[in-house]
Amino acid sequence: TSDNEVKIKYIFRSMDRNELEQINLKLSNLNNNFVTKEIYRDPIWKVDEDSKILEIYRQIYFKQYDEYPINEIWRGAIECATIKNHIEGLDIISIRSIIKLFHTVEETTYISSWCKIYNLIIKLLKEL
């Protein structure tokens, strides 16, 4: 930033390719001097229902909590998709703690949820 110039850099991340395309389209349609540069694009992450690690994890979770975990995609899964994209045949799952208000000054996480994950991961590693 200087007296007569302001530079704004931003990164859009999404696991939804259509959402990213819509953002890029809207930015290109603005009448401004913004320079839009795509540095990289994360691959789309989907739950691999055939994952052996996922099946073992689900069974361990069920034994511990008498219910199966919910298979859903969250923010950390974007990084998993990038890693999986670079290692052919990698069997990988993403497990998350309870976090509220991601990437804000009010972001909150709960130690009890981290303890739960830690214990599940230890049991998973013993099974593998």
C-alpha atoms as a PDB file:
ATOM      1  CA  THR A   1       0.000   0.000   0.000  1.00  0.00           C
ATOM      2  CA  SER A   2       1.208   3.495  -0.848  1.00  0.00           C
ATOM      3  CA  ASP A   3      -0.380   6.950  -1.076  1.00  0.00           C
ATOM      4  CA  ASN A   4      -1.966   6.255  -4.443  1.00  0.00           C
ATOM      5  CA  GLU A   5      -2.102   2.472  -4.651  1.00  0.00           C
ATOM      6  CA  VAL A   6      -3.631  -0.366  -2.673  1.00  0.00           C
ATOM      7  CA  LYS A   7      -2.820  -3.980  -3.432  1.00  0.00           C
ATOM      8  CA  ILE A   8      -5.179  -6.664  -2.220  1.00  0.00           C
ATOM      9  CA  LYS A   9      -4.227 -10.315  -2.331  1.00  0.00           C
ATOM     10  CA  TYR A  10      -6.663 -13.031  -1.480  1.00  0.00           C
ATOM     11  CA  ILE A  11      -7.083 -16.756  -1.741  1.00  0.00           C
ATOM     12  CA  PHE A  12     -10.376 -18.514  -2.267  1.00  0.00           C
ATOM     13  CA  ARG A  13     -10.557 -22.129  -1.204  1.00  0.00           C
ATOM     14  CA  SER A  14     -13.445 -24.444  -1.624  1.00  0.00           C
ATOM     15  CA  MET A  15     -14.068 -28.135  -2.068  1.00  0.00           C
ATOM     16  CA  ASP A  16     -16.812 -27.192  -4.529  1.00  0.00           C
ATOM     17  CA  ARG A  17     -15.409 -26.594  -8.008  1.00  0.00           C
ATOM     18  CA  ASN A  18     -18.605 -24.841  -9.185  1.00  0.00           C
ATOM     19  CA  GLU A  19     -18.400 -22.376  -6.297  1.00  0.00           C
ATOM     20  CA  LEU A  20     -14.831 -21.442  -7.242  1.00  0.00           C
ATOM     21  CA  GLU A  21     -15.790 -21.025 -10.886  1.00  0.00           C
ATOM     22  CA  GLN A  22     -18.657 -18.691  -9.904  1.00  0.00           C
ATOM     23  CA  ILE A  23     -16.331 -16.563  -7.763  1.00  0.00           C
ATOM     24  CA  ASN A  24     -13.783 -16.323 -10.602  1.00  0.00           C
ATOM     25  CA  LEU A  25     -16.535 -15.386 -13.056  1.00  0.00           C
ATOM     26  CA  LYS A  26     -17.913 -12.665 -10.786  1.00  0.00           C
ATOM     27  CA  LEU A  27     -14.439 -11.219 -10.223  1.00  0.00           C
ATOM     28  CA  SER A  28     -13.700 -11.111 -13.932  1.00  0.00           C
ATOM     29  CA  ASN A  29     -17.003  -9.297 -14.568  1.00  0.00           C
ATOM     30  CA  LEU A  30     -16.238  -6.471 -12.134  1.00  0.00           C
ATOM     31  CA  ASN A  31     -15.220  -3.137 -13.646  1.00  0.00           C
ATOM     32  CA  ASN A  32     -12.020  -2.665 -11.700  1.00  0.00           C
ATOM     33  CA  ASN A  33      -8.301  -2.984 -11.964  1.00  0.00           C
ATOM     34  CA  PHE A  34      -8.047  -6.180  -9.932  1.00  0.00           C
ATOM     35  CA  VAL A  35      -5.546  -8.690 -11.163  1.00  0.00           C
ATOM     36  CA  THR A  36      -6.850 -12.202 -10.657  1.00  0.00           C
ATOM     37  CA  LYS A  37      -4.210 -14.890 -10.598  1.00  0.00           C
ATOM     38  CA  GLU A  38      -4.925 -18.498  -9.802  1.00  0.00           C
ATOM     39  CA  ILE A  39      -1.905 -19.934  -8.006  1.00  0.00           C
ATOM     40  CA  TYR A  40      -3.162 -23.455  -7.489  1.00  0.00           C
ATOM     41  CA  ARG A  41      -6.364 -25.416  -7.329  1.00  0.00           C
ATOM     42  CA  ASP A  42      -7.062 -28.033  -4.711  1.00  0.00           C
ATOM     43  CA  PRO A  43      -8.513 -31.270  -6.002  1.00  0.00           C
ATOM     44  CA  ILE A  44     -11.999 -32.163  -4.878  1.00  0.00           C
ATOM     45  CA  TRP A  45     -12.126 -34.413  -1.810  1.00  0.00           C
ATOM     46  CA  LYS A  46     -14.749 -37.098  -1.529  1.00  0.00           C
ATOM     47  CA  VAL A  47     -15.192 -39.772   1.092  1.00  0.00           C
ATOM     48  CA  ASP A  48     -13.724 -43.025  -0.264  1.00  0.00           C
ATOM     49  CA  GLU A  49     -16.334 -45.551   0.833  1.00  0.00           C
ATOM     50  CA  ASP A  50     -13.938 -48.377  -0.174  1.00  0.00           C
ATOM     51  CA  SER A  51     -11.166 -47.146   2.144  1.00  0.00           C
ATOM     52  CA  LYS A  52      -9.826 -49.941   4.350  1.00  0.00           C
ATOM     53  CA  ILE A  53      -8.627 -47.380   6.909  1.00  0.00           C
ATOM     54  CA  LEU A  54     -12.086 -45.818   7.006  1.00  0.00           C
ATOM     55  CA  GLU A  55     -13.717 -49.199   7.626  1.00  0.00           C
ATOM     56  CA  ILE A  56     -11.312 -50.023  10.465  1.00  0.00           C
ATOM     57  CA  TYR A  57     -11.813 -46.536  11.935  1.00  0.00           C
ATOM     58  CA  ARG A  58     -15.612 -46.912  11.745  1.00  0.00           C
ATOM     59  CA  GLN A  59     -15.461 -50.235  13.612  1.00  0.00           C
ATOM     60  CA  ILE A  60     -13.174 -48.809  16.323  1.00  0.00           C
ATOM     61  CA  TYR A  61     -15.443 -45.796  16.692  1.00  0.00           C
ATOM     62  CA  PHE A  62     -18.506 -48.028  16.954  1.00  0.00           C
ATOM     63  CA  LYS A  63     -16.889 -50.196  19.646  1.00  0.00           C
ATOM     64  CA  GLN A  64     -16.021 -47.071  21.629  1.00  0.00           C
ATOM     65  CA  TYR A  65     -19.243 -45.037  21.239  1.00  0.00           C
ATOM     66  CA  ASP A  66     -21.917 -47.553  20.157  1.00  0.00           C
ATOM     67  CA  GLU A  67     -22.602 -45.558  16.995  1.00  0.00           C
ATOM     68  CA  TYR A  68     -20.844 -44.994  13.703  1.00  0.00           C
ATOM     69  CA  PRO A  69     -19.058 -41.737  12.913  1.00  0.00           C
ATOM     70  CA  ILE A  70     -20.659 -39.397  10.421  1.00  0.00           C
ATOM     71  CA  ASN A  71     -18.820 -39.371   7.089  1.00  0.00           C
ATOM     72  CA  GLU A  72     -18.696 -35.741   6.089  1.00  0.00           C
ATOM     73  CA  ILE A  73     -16.226 -33.436   4.452  1.00  0.00           C
ATOM     74  CA  TRP A  74     -14.772 -30.526   6.431  1.00  0.00           C
ATOM     75  CA  ARG A  75     -12.105 -27.902   5.944  1.00  0.00           C
ATOM     76  CA  GLY A  76      -9.091 -30.064   6.783  1.00  0.00           C
ATOM     77  CA  ALA A  77     -10.105 -32.464   4.067  1.00  0.00           C
ATOM     78  CA  ILE A  78      -8.871 -30.012   1.431  1.00  0.00           C
ATOM     79  CA  GLU A  79      -5.291 -30.704   2.521  1.00  0.00           C
ATOM     80  CA  CYS A  80      -5.948 -34.462   2.463  1.00  0.00           C
ATOM     81  CA  ALA A  81      -7.117 -34.170  -1.119  1.00  0.00           C
ATOM     82  CA  THR A  82      -3.890 -32.408  -2.092  1.00  0.00           C
ATOM     83  CA  ILE A  83      -1.760 -35.086  -0.417  1.00  0.00           C
ATOM     84  CA  LYS A  84      -3.804 -37.931  -1.918  1.00  0.00           C
ATOM     85  CA  ASN A  85      -3.536 -36.347  -5.354  1.00  0.00           C
ATOM     86  CA  HIS A  86       0.272 -36.632  -5.201  1.00  0.00           C
ATOM     87  CA  ILE A  87       0.546 -40.206  -3.880  1.00  0.00           C
ATOM     88  CA  GLU A  88      -1.081 -42.796  -6.114  1.00  0.00           C
ATOM     89  CA  GLY A  89      -3.145 -45.390  -4.262  1.00  0.00           C
ATOM     90  CA  LEU A  90      -2.861 -43.649  -0.881  1.00  0.00           C
ATOM     91  CA  ASP A  91      -5.566 -44.702   1.560  1.00  0.00           C
ATOM     92  CA  ILE A  92      -6.261 -41.650   3.712  1.00  0.00           C
ATOM     93  CA  ILE A  93      -9.033 -40.343   5.949  1.00  0.00           C
ATOM     94  CA  SER A  94      -9.606 -37.006   7.630  1.00  0.00           C
ATOM     95  CA  ILE A  95     -10.686 -36.902  11.272  1.00  0.00           C
ATOM     96  CA  ARG A  96     -11.581 -33.646  12.963  1.00  0.00           C
ATOM     97  CA  SER A  97     -12.137 -32.299  16.417  1.00  0.00           C
ATOM     98  CA  ILE A  98     -14.970 -29.989  17.318  1.00  0.00           C
ATOM     99  CA  ILE A  99     -14.055 -26.503  16.134  1.00  0.00           C
ATOM    100  CA  LYS A 100     -16.412 -23.563  15.924  1.00  0.00           C
ATOM    101  CA  LEU A 101     -15.989 -20.292  14.036  1.00  0.00           C
ATOM    102  CA  PHE A 102     -13.013 -21.447  11.949  1.00  0.00           C
ATOM    103  CA  HIS A 103     -10.331 -18.879  11.120  1.00  0.00           C
ATOM    104  CA  THR A 104     -11.847 -16.078  13.180  1.00  0.00           C
ATOM    105  CA  VAL A 105     -10.745 -14.418  16.390  1.00  0.00           C
ATOM    106  CA  GLU A 106     -13.585 -16.329  18.066  1.00  0.00           C
ATOM    107  CA  GLU A 107     -12.345 -19.732  16.855  1.00  0.00           C
ATOM    108  CA  THR A 108     -12.960 -22.279  19.581  1.00  0.00           C
ATOM    109  CA  THR A 109     -11.874 -25.878  19.962  1.00  0.00           C
ATOM    110  CA  TYR A 110     -12.557 -28.321  22.744  1.00  0.00           C
ATOM    111  CA  ILE A 111      -9.779 -30.283  24.439  1.00  0.00           C
ATOM    112  CA  SER A 112     -12.190 -33.147  25.108  1.00  0.00           C
ATOM    113  CA  SER A 113     -12.736 -33.580  21.366  1.00  0.00           C
ATOM    114  CA  TRP A 114      -8.960 -33.674  20.794  1.00  0.00           C
ATOM    115  CA  CYS A 115      -8.608 -36.322  23.504  1.00  0.00           C
ATOM    116  CA  LYS A 116     -11.310 -38.379  21.804  1.00  0.00           C
ATOM    117  CA  ILE A 117      -9.464 -38.171  18.468  1.00  0.00           C
ATOM    118  CA  TYR A 118      -6.120 -38.974  20.061  1.00  0.00           C
ATOM    119  CA  ASN A 119      -7.497 -42.135  21.651  1.00  0.00           C
ATOM    120  CA  LEU A 120      -9.196 -43.202  18.420  1.00  0.00           C
ATOM    121  CA  ILE A 121      -6.007 -42.674  16.409  1.00  0.00           C
ATOM    122  CA  ILE A 122      -3.945 -44.716  18.894  1.00  0.00           C
ATOM    123  CA  LYS A 123      -6.448 -47.587  18.576  1.00  0.00           C
ATOM    124  CA  LEU A 124      -6.474 -47.224  14.781  1.00  0.00           C
ATOM    125  CA  LEU A 125      -2.676 -47.374  14.580  1.00  0.00           C
ATOM    126  CA  LYS A 126      -2.644 -50.520  16.722  1.00  0.00           C
ATOM    127  CA  GLU A 127      -5.094 -52.151  14.294  1.00  0.00           C
ATOM    128  CA  LEU A 128      -3.039 -51.210  11.259  1.00  0.00           C
END
